[in-house]
Amino acid sequence: MLRKNISSEIPNVMKRVLNLRGINRSLKEISHARKEAEKGLDFQDLPKLLDEFWIQWNERILSNLHVKSSIQTAKFIKKLTGGIILM
């Protein structure tokens, strides 16, 4: 079940990750930094960016397998998998 407001949990997760790295920032600082980061993003482009990500991901896998890759092959794999690959 998805949580109702996962975006409100992001600062808490970021704080825990930073603390593990020895970086101490307040939730207020983290929330502000996140809001600033979002200012330059156009979320309407997100579907296109995700498609590009999965194509590049597939190309990297093919390269690591020493398979001569092409954009068409990577796009085909993305289409078959729906872009869902377990990492």
PDB file of N, CA and C in Angstrom:
ATOM      1  N   MET A   1       0.833  -1.179   0.000  1.00  0.00           N
ATOM      2  CA  MET A   1       0.000   0.000   0.000  1.00  0.00           C
ATOM      3  C   MET A   1       0.883   1.251   0.000  1.00  0.00           C
ATOM      4  N   LEU A   2       0.599   2.182  -0.908  1.00  0.00           N
ATOM      5  CA  LEU A   2       1.376   3.408  -0.971  1.00  0.00           C
ATOM      6  C   LEU A   2       1.001   4.331   0.172  1.00  0.00           C
ATOM      7  N   ARG A   3       1.961   5.019   0.653  1.00  0.00           N
ATOM      8  CA  ARG A   3       1.689   5.975   1.720  1.00  0.00           C
ATOM      9  C   ARG A   3       1.043   7.214   1.126  1.00  0.00           C
ATOM     10  N   LYS A   4       0.234   7.874   1.927  1.00  0.00           N
ATOM     11  CA  LYS A   4      -0.537   9.004   1.433  1.00  0.00           C
ATOM     12  C   LYS A   4       0.330  10.166   0.980  1.00  0.00           C
ATOM     13  N   ASN A   5       1.357  10.497   1.733  1.00  0.00           N
ATOM     14  CA  ASN A   5       2.161  11.663   1.398  1.00  0.00           C
ATOM     15  C   ASN A   5       3.639  11.332   1.519  1.00  0.00           C
ATOM     16  N   ILE A   6       4.135  10.626   0.527  1.00  0.00           N
ATOM     17  CA  ILE A   6       5.537  10.196   0.565  1.00  0.00           C
ATOM     18  C   ILE A   6       6.488  11.380   0.473  1.00  0.00           C
ATOM     19  N   SER A   7       6.062  12.475  -0.173  1.00  0.00           N
ATOM     20  CA  SER A   7       6.951  13.631  -0.301  1.00  0.00           C
ATOM     21  C   SER A   7       7.291  14.238   1.045  1.00  0.00           C
ATOM     22  N   SER A   8       6.416  14.098   2.027  1.00  0.00           N
ATOM     23  CA  SER A   8       6.728  14.630   3.356  1.00  0.00           C
ATOM     24  C   SER A   8       7.757  13.770   4.075  1.00  0.00           C
ATOM     25  N   GLU A   9       7.945  12.535   3.617  1.00  0.00           N
ATOM     26  CA  GLU A   9       8.920  11.649   4.238  1.00  0.00           C
ATOM     27  C   GLU A   9      10.321  11.803   3.638  1.00  0.00           C
ATOM     28  N   ILE A  10      10.408  12.414   2.475  1.00  0.00           N
ATOM     29  CA  ILE A  10      11.693  12.541   1.794  1.00  0.00           C
ATOM     30  C   ILE A  10      12.736  13.239   2.669  1.00  0.00           C
ATOM     31  N   PRO A  11      12.413  14.371   3.310  1.00  0.00           N
ATOM     32  CA  PRO A  11      13.426  14.996   4.165  1.00  0.00           C
ATOM     33  C   PRO A  11      13.907  14.083   5.294  1.00  0.00           C
ATOM     34  N   ASN A  12      13.008  13.282   5.866  1.00  0.00           N
ATOM     35  CA  ASN A  12      13.409  12.358   6.930  1.00  0.00           C
ATOM     36  C   ASN A  12      14.357  11.289   6.415  1.00  0.00           C
ATOM     37  N   VAL A  13      14.073  10.767   5.252  1.00  0.00           N
ATOM     38  CA  VAL A  13      14.954   9.758   4.650  1.00  0.00           C
ATOM     39  C   VAL A  13      16.309  10.380   4.330  1.00  0.00           C
ATOM     40  N   MET A  14      16.289  11.570   3.734  1.00  0.00           N
ATOM     41  CA  MET A  14      17.536  12.263   3.396  1.00  0.00           C
ATOM     42  C   MET A  14      18.359  12.529   4.657  1.00  0.00           C
ATOM     43  N   LYS A  15      17.697  12.925   5.739  1.00  0.00           N
ATOM     44  CA  LYS A  15      18.406  13.192   6.994  1.00  0.00           C
ATOM     45  C   LYS A  15      19.106  11.934   7.506  1.00  0.00           C
ATOM     46  N   ARG A  16      18.400  10.795   7.461  1.00  0.00           N
ATOM     47  CA  ARG A  16      19.016   9.534   7.914  1.00  0.00           C
ATOM     48  C   ARG A  16      20.218   9.163   7.045  1.00  0.00           C
ATOM     49  N   VAL A  17      20.092   9.336   5.743  1.00  0.00           N
ATOM     50  CA  VAL A  17      21.197   9.009   4.834  1.00  0.00           C
ATOM     51  C   VAL A  17      22.381   9.926   5.110  1.00  0.00           C
ATOM     52  N   LEU A  18      22.121  11.211   5.239  1.00  0.00           N
ATOM     53  CA  LEU A  18      23.207  12.155   5.523  1.00  0.00           C
ATOM     54  C   LEU A  18      23.871  11.838   6.869  1.00  0.00           C
ATOM     55  N   ASN A  19      23.067  11.520   7.874  1.00  0.00           N
ATOM     56  CA  ASN A  19      23.630  11.189   9.191  1.00  0.00           C
ATOM     57  C   ASN A  19      24.548   9.974   9.108  1.00  0.00           C
ATOM     58  N   LEU A  20      24.165   8.989   8.292  1.00  0.00           N
ATOM     59  CA  LEU A  20      25.024   7.817   8.110  1.00  0.00           C
ATOM     60  C   LEU A  20      26.370   8.189   7.508  1.00  0.00           C
ATOM     61  N   ARG A  21      26.403   9.283   6.769  1.00  0.00           N
ATOM     62  CA  ARG A  21      27.636   9.768   6.147  1.00  0.00           C
ATOM     63  C   ARG A  21      28.354  10.792   7.022  1.00  0.00           C
ATOM     64  N   GLY A  22      27.836  11.013   8.228  1.00  0.00           N
ATOM     65  CA  GLY A  22      28.471  11.969   9.132  1.00  0.00           C
ATOM     66  C   GLY A  22      28.119  13.415   8.833  1.00  0.00           C
ATOM     67  N   ILE A  23      27.061  13.632   8.074  1.00  0.00           N
ATOM     68  CA  ILE A  23      26.637  14.981   7.715  1.00  0.00           C
ATOM     69  C   ILE A  23      25.370  15.289   8.503  1.00  0.00           C
ATOM     70  N   ASN A  24      25.419  16.347   9.294  1.00  0.00           N
ATOM     71  CA  ASN A  24      24.289  16.694  10.143  1.00  0.00           C
ATOM     72  C   ASN A  24      23.614  17.952   9.620  1.00  0.00           C
ATOM     73  N   ARG A  25      22.383  17.785   9.126  1.00  0.00           N
ATOM     74  CA  ARG A  25      21.571  18.917   8.665  1.00  0.00           C
ATOM     75  C   ARG A  25      20.182  18.776   9.267  1.00  0.00           C
ATOM     76  N   SER A  26      19.550  19.903   9.539  1.00  0.00           N
ATOM     77  CA  SER A  26      18.211  19.889  10.125  1.00  0.00           C
ATOM     78  C   SER A  26      17.173  19.553   9.047  1.00  0.00           C
ATOM     79  N   LEU A  27      16.012  19.107   9.512  1.00  0.00           N
ATOM     80  CA  LEU A  27      14.916  18.845   8.580  1.00  0.00           C
ATOM     81  C   LEU A  27      14.516  20.118   7.850  1.00  0.00           C
ATOM     82  N   LYS A  28      14.596  21.250   8.538  1.00  0.00           N
ATOM     83  CA  LYS A  28      14.268  22.531   7.903  1.00  0.00           C
ATOM     84  C   LYS A  28      15.236  22.829   6.761  1.00  0.00           C
ATOM     85  N   GLU A  29      16.539  22.612   6.991  1.00  0.00           N
ATOM     86  CA  GLU A  29      17.541  22.839   5.941  1.00  0.00           C
ATOM     87  C   GLU A  29      17.307  21.911   4.748  1.00  0.00           C
ATOM     88  N   ILE A  30      17.032  20.655   5.053  1.00  0.00           N
ATOM     89  CA  ILE A  30      16.828  19.666   3.993  1.00  0.00           C
ATOM     90  C   ILE A  30      15.573  19.997   3.196  1.00  0.00           C
ATOM     91  N   SER A  31      14.502  20.352   3.861  1.00  0.00           N
ATOM     92  CA  SER A  31      13.259  20.715   3.176  1.00  0.00           C
ATOM     93  C   SER A  31      13.468  21.929   2.277  1.00  0.00           C
ATOM     94  N   HIS A  32      14.202  22.916   2.776  1.00  0.00           N
ATOM     95  CA  HIS A  32      14.493  24.112   1.976  1.00  0.00           C
ATOM     96  C   HIS A  32      15.329  23.758   0.746  1.00  0.00           C
ATOM     97  N   ALA A  33      16.338  22.951   0.941  1.00  0.00           N
ATOM     98  CA  ALA A  33      17.198  22.552  -0.174  1.00  0.00           C
ATOM     99  C   ALA A  33      16.400  21.785  -1.234  1.00  0.00           C
ATOM    100  N   ARG A  34      15.482  20.967  -0.783  1.00  0.00           N
ATOM    101  CA  ARG A  34      14.640  20.207  -1.716  1.00  0.00           C
ATOM    102  C   ARG A  34      13.740  21.139  -2.521  1.00  0.00           C
ATOM    103  N   LYS A  35      13.129  22.102  -1.846  1.00  0.00           N
ATOM    104  CA  LYS A  35      12.271  23.063  -2.538  1.00  0.00           C
ATOM    105  C   LYS A  35      13.064  23.862  -3.569  1.00  0.00           C
ATOM    106  N   GLU A  36      14.270  24.245  -3.222  1.00  0.00           N
ATOM    107  CA  GLU A  36      15.125  24.978  -4.158  1.00  0.00           C
ATOM    108  C   GLU A  36      15.477  24.116  -5.371  1.00  0.00           C
ATOM    109  N   ALA A  37      15.751  22.848  -5.122  1.00  0.00           N
ATOM    110  CA  ALA A  37      16.105  21.931  -6.218  1.00  0.00           C
ATOM    111  C   ALA A  37      14.941  21.741  -7.180  1.00  0.00           C
ATOM    112  N   GLU A  38      13.725  21.725  -6.639  1.00  0.00           N
ATOM    113  CA  GLU A  38      12.538  21.517  -7.469  1.00  0.00           C
ATOM    114  C   GLU A  38      12.213  22.716  -8.341  1.00  0.00           C
ATOM    115  N   LYS A  39      12.700  23.902  -7.971  1.00  0.00           N
ATOM    116  CA  LYS A  39      12.385  25.110  -8.734  1.00  0.00           C
ATOM    117  C   LYS A  39      12.822  25.007 -10.190  1.00  0.00           C
ATOM    118  N   GLY A  40      13.945  24.360 -10.442  1.00  0.00           N
ATOM    119  CA  GLY A  40      14.462  24.278 -11.795  1.00  0.00           C
ATOM    120  C   GLY A  40      13.977  23.088 -12.583  1.00  0.00           C
ATOM    121  N   LEU A  41      13.096  22.300 -11.997  1.00  0.00           N
ATOM    122  CA  LEU A  41      12.635  21.085 -12.670  1.00  0.00           C
ATOM    123  C   LEU A  41      11.265  21.295 -13.298  1.00  0.00           C
ATOM    124  N   ASP A  42      11.092  20.710 -14.473  1.00  0.00           N
ATOM    125  CA  ASP A  42       9.793  20.726 -15.136  1.00  0.00           C
ATOM    126  C   ASP A  42       9.267  19.300 -15.107  1.00  0.00           C
ATOM    127  N   PHE A  43       8.365  19.034 -14.173  1.00  0.00           N
ATOM    128  CA  PHE A  43       7.877  17.671 -13.987  1.00  0.00           C
ATOM    129  C   PHE A  43       7.033  17.181 -15.159  1.00  0.00           C
ATOM    130  N   GLN A  44       6.642  18.079 -16.055  1.00  0.00           N
ATOM    131  CA  GLN A  44       5.923  17.655 -17.252  1.00  0.00           C
ATOM    132  C   GLN A  44       6.842  16.845 -18.167  1.00  0.00           C
ATOM    133  N   ASP A  45       8.153  17.034 -18.043  1.00  0.00           N
ATOM    134  CA  ASP A  45       9.128  16.300 -18.856  1.00  0.00           C
ATOM    135  C   ASP A  45       9.495  14.948 -18.248  1.00  0.00           C
ATOM    136  N   LEU A  46       8.967  14.627 -17.086  1.00  0.00           N
ATOM    137  CA  LEU A  46       9.347  13.410 -16.376  1.00  0.00           C
ATOM    138  C   LEU A  46       9.154  12.133 -17.196  1.00  0.00           C
ATOM    139  N   PRO A  47       8.022  11.930 -17.881  1.00  0.00           N
ATOM    140  CA  PRO A  47       7.883  10.697 -18.673  1.00  0.00           C
ATOM    141  C   PRO A  47       8.978  10.551 -19.736  1.00  0.00           C
ATOM    142  N   LYS A  48       9.330  11.637 -20.386  1.00  0.00           N
ATOM    143  CA  LYS A  48      10.389  11.591 -21.396  1.00  0.00           C
ATOM    144  C   LYS A  48      11.733  11.275 -20.753  1.00  0.00           C
ATOM    145  N   LEU A  49      12.015  11.898 -19.609  1.00  0.00           N
ATOM    146  CA  LEU A  49      13.280  11.642 -18.913  1.00  0.00           C
ATOM    147  C   LEU A  49      13.375  10.193 -18.460  1.00  0.00           C
ATOM    148  N   LEU A  50      12.266   9.634 -17.994  1.00  0.00           N
ATOM    149  CA  LEU A  50      12.274   8.233 -17.564  1.00  0.00           C
ATOM    150  C   LEU A  50      12.536   7.308 -18.742  1.00  0.00           C
ATOM    151  N   ASP A  51      11.925   7.589 -19.882  1.00  0.00           N
ATOM    152  CA  ASP A  51      12.177   6.786 -21.082  1.00  0.00           C
ATOM    153  C   ASP A  51      13.655   6.822 -21.446  1.00  0.00           C
ATOM    154  N   GLU A  52      14.241   8.016 -21.435  1.00  0.00           N
ATOM    155  CA  GLU A  52      15.657   8.160 -21.761  1.00  0.00           C
ATOM    156  C   GLU A  52      16.527   7.414 -20.756  1.00  0.00           C
ATOM    157  N   PHE A  53      16.163   7.463 -19.480  1.00  0.00           N
ATOM    158  CA  PHE A  53      16.919   6.755 -18.449  1.00  0.00           C
ATOM    159  C   PHE A  53      16.951   5.266 -18.750  1.00  0.00           C
ATOM    160  N   TRP A  54      15.768   4.669 -19.016  1.00  0.00           N
ATOM    161  CA  TRP A  54      15.708   3.228 -19.226  1.00  0.00           C
ATOM    162  C   TRP A  54      16.448   2.806 -20.486  1.00  0.00           C
ATOM    163  N   ILE A  55      16.419   3.640 -21.508  1.00  0.00           N
ATOM    164  CA  ILE A  55      17.174   3.324 -22.725  1.00  0.00           C
ATOM    165  C   ILE A  55      18.671   3.325 -22.414  1.00  0.00           C
ATOM    166  N   GLN A  56      19.142   4.338 -21.706  1.00  0.00           N
ATOM    167  CA  GLN A  56      20.566   4.393 -21.343  1.00  0.00           C
ATOM    168  C   GLN A  56      20.933   3.242 -20.415  1.00  0.00           C
ATOM    169  N   TRP A  57      20.045   2.899 -19.499  1.00  0.00           N
ATOM    170  CA  TRP A  57      20.280   1.774 -18.585  1.00  0.00           C
ATOM    171  C   TRP A  57      20.468   0.488 -19.372  1.00  0.00           C
ATOM    172  N   ASN A  58      19.563   0.253 -20.317  1.00  0.00           N
ATOM    173  CA  ASN A  58      19.654  -0.952 -21.145  1.00  0.00           C
ATOM    174  C   ASN A  58      20.925  -0.970 -21.981  1.00  0.00           C
ATOM    175  N   GLU A  59      21.317   0.189 -22.515  1.00  0.00           N
ATOM    176  CA  GLU A  59      22.559   0.259 -23.281  1.00  0.00           C
ATOM    177  C   GLU A  59      23.761  -0.116 -22.418  1.00  0.00           C
ATOM    178  N   ARG A  60      23.772   0.324 -21.181  1.00  0.00           N
ATOM    179  CA  ARG A  60      24.881  -0.001 -20.275  1.00  0.00           C
ATOM    180  C   ARG A  60      24.931  -1.496 -19.974  1.00  0.00           C
ATOM    181  N   ILE A  61      23.756  -2.092 -19.763  1.00  0.00           N
ATOM    182  CA  ILE A  61      23.717  -3.536 -19.507  1.00  0.00           C
ATOM    183  C   ILE A  61      24.238  -4.284 -20.719  1.00  0.00           C
ATOM    184  N   LEU A  62      23.769  -3.901 -21.902  1.00  0.00           N
ATOM    185  CA  LEU A  62      24.234  -4.554 -23.124  1.00  0.00           C
ATOM    186  C   LEU A  62      25.742  -4.394 -23.293  1.00  0.00           C
ATOM    187  N   SER A  63      26.255  -3.212 -23.001  1.00  0.00           N
ATOM    188  CA  SER A  63      27.688  -2.968 -23.097  1.00  0.00           C
ATOM    189  C   SER A  63      28.464  -3.856 -22.134  1.00  0.00           C
ATOM    190  N   ASN A  64      27.965  -3.994 -20.905  1.00  0.00           N
ATOM    191  CA  ASN A  64      28.622  -4.843 -19.914  1.00  0.00           C
ATOM    192  C   ASN A  64      28.596  -6.314 -20.311  1.00  0.00           C
ATOM    193  N   LEU A  65      27.615  -6.668 -21.137  1.00  0.00           N
ATOM    194  CA  LEU A  65      27.529  -8.042 -21.643  1.00  0.00           C
ATOM    195  C   LEU A  65      28.311  -8.219 -22.946  1.00  0.00           C
ATOM    196  N   HIS A  66      28.989  -7.144 -23.351  1.00  0.00           N
ATOM    197  CA  HIS A  66      29.767  -7.129 -24.596  1.00  0.00           C
ATOM    198  C   HIS A  66      28.883  -7.428 -25.801  1.00  0.00           C
ATOM    199  N   VAL A  67      27.650  -6.912 -25.745  1.00  0.00           N
ATOM    200  CA  VAL A  67      26.713  -7.027 -26.857  1.00  0.00           C
ATOM    201  C   VAL A  67      26.747  -5.709 -27.598  1.00  0.00           C
ATOM    202  N   LYS A  68      26.979  -5.810 -28.913  1.00  0.00           N
ATOM    203  CA  LYS A  68      27.004  -4.595 -29.719  1.00  0.00           C
ATOM    204  C   LYS A  68      25.617  -3.968 -29.640  1.00  0.00           C
ATOM    205  N   SER A  69      25.562  -2.811 -29.043  1.00  0.00           N
ATOM    206  CA  SER A  69      24.294  -2.165 -28.735  1.00  0.00           C
ATOM    207  C   SER A  69      23.922  -1.156 -29.798  1.00  0.00           C
ATOM    208  N   SER A  70      22.654  -0.889 -29.860  1.00  0.00           N
ATOM    209  CA  SER A  70      22.148   0.212 -30.662  1.00  0.00           C
ATOM    210  C   SER A  70      20.969   0.802 -29.922  1.00  0.00           C
ATOM    211  N   ILE A  71      20.642   2.024 -30.245  1.00  0.00           N
ATOM    212  CA  ILE A  71      19.492   2.667 -29.609  1.00  0.00           C
ATOM    213  C   ILE A  71      18.237   1.832 -29.854  1.00  0.00           C
ATOM    214  N   GLN A  72      18.117   1.264 -31.063  1.00  0.00           N
ATOM    215  CA  GLN A  72      16.929   0.471 -31.376  1.00  0.00           C
ATOM    216  C   GLN A  72      16.824  -0.738 -30.450  1.00  0.00           C
ATOM    217  N   THR A  73      17.940  -1.403 -30.194  1.00  0.00           N
ATOM    218  CA  THR A  73      17.931  -2.563 -29.301  1.00  0.00           C
ATOM    219  C   THR A  73      17.539  -2.149 -27.891  1.00  0.00           C
ATOM    220  N   ALA A  74      18.125  -1.071 -27.397  1.00  0.00           N
ATOM    221  CA  ALA A  74      17.824  -0.594 -26.051  1.00  0.00           C
ATOM    222  C   ALA A  74      16.365  -0.158 -25.942  1.00  0.00           C
ATOM    223  N   LYS A  75      15.846   0.502 -26.990  1.00  0.00           N
ATOM    224  CA  LYS A  75      14.442   0.911 -26.989  1.00  0.00           C
ATOM    225  C   LYS A  75      13.531  -0.310 -27.005  1.00  0.00           C
ATOM    226  N   PHE A  76      13.920  -1.338 -27.763  1.00  0.00           N
ATOM    227  CA  PHE A  76      13.124  -2.561 -27.846  1.00  0.00           C
ATOM    228  C   PHE A  76      13.040  -3.231 -26.471  1.00  0.00           C
ATOM    229  N   ILE A  77      14.162  -3.318 -25.776  1.00  0.00           N
ATOM    230  CA  ILE A  77      14.177  -3.922 -24.441  1.00  0.00           C
ATOM    231  C   ILE A  77      13.304  -3.105 -23.494  1.00  0.00           C
ATOM    232  N   LYS A  78      13.421  -1.786 -23.574  1.00  0.00           N
ATOM    233  CA  LYS A  78      12.604  -0.926 -22.717  1.00  0.00           C
ATOM    234  C   LYS A  78      11.127  -1.155 -22.985  1.00  0.00           C
ATOM    235  N   LYS A  79      10.775  -1.284 -24.268  1.00  0.00           N
ATOM    236  CA  LYS A  79       9.366  -1.505 -24.631  1.00  0.00           C
ATOM    237  C   LYS A  79       8.875  -2.860 -24.092  1.00  0.00           C
ATOM    238  N   LEU A  80       9.713  -3.883 -24.208  1.00  0.00           N
ATOM    239  CA  LEU A  80       9.315  -5.215 -23.727  1.00  0.00           C
ATOM    240  C   LEU A  80       9.134  -5.251 -22.212  1.00  0.00           C
ATOM    241  N   THR A  81      10.007  -4.550 -21.510  1.00  0.00           N
ATOM    242  CA  THR A  81       9.978  -4.608 -20.051  1.00  0.00           C
ATOM    243  C   THR A  81       9.115  -3.522 -19.444  1.00  0.00           C
ATOM    244  N   GLY A  82       8.692  -2.584 -20.259  1.00  0.00           N
ATOM    245  CA  GLY A  82       7.923  -1.465 -19.719  1.00  0.00           C
ATOM    246  C   GLY A  82       8.783  -0.543 -18.881  1.00  0.00           C
ATOM    247  N   GLY A  83      10.099  -0.673 -19.025  1.00  0.00           N
ATOM    248  CA  GLY A  83      11.017   0.172 -18.262  1.00  0.00           C
ATOM    249  C   GLY A  83      11.214  -0.288 -16.838  1.00  0.00           C
ATOM    250  N   ILE A  84      10.631  -1.430 -16.490  1.00  0.00           N
ATOM    251  CA  ILE A  84      10.745  -1.904 -15.117  1.00  0.00           C
ATOM    252  C   ILE A  84      11.847  -2.955 -15.041  1.00  0.00           C
ATOM    253  N   ILE A  85      12.927  -2.596 -14.425  1.00  0.00           N
ATOM    254  CA  ILE A  85      14.051  -3.491 -14.234  1.00  0.00           C
ATOM    255  C   ILE A  85      14.374  -3.482 -12.737  1.00  0.00           C
ATOM    256  N   LEU A  86      14.555  -4.631 -12.179  1.00  0.00           N
ATOM    257  CA  LEU A  86      14.926  -4.681 -10.765  1.00  0.00           C
ATOM    258  C   LEU A  86      16.395  -4.382 -10.634  1.00  0.00           C
ATOM    259  N   MET A  87      16.707  -3.427  -9.777  1.00  0.00           N
ATOM    260  CA  MET A  87      18.106  -3.050  -9.567  1.00  0.00           C
ATOM    261  C   MET A  87      18.595  -3.662  -8.290  1.00  0.00           C
TER     262      MET A  87
END
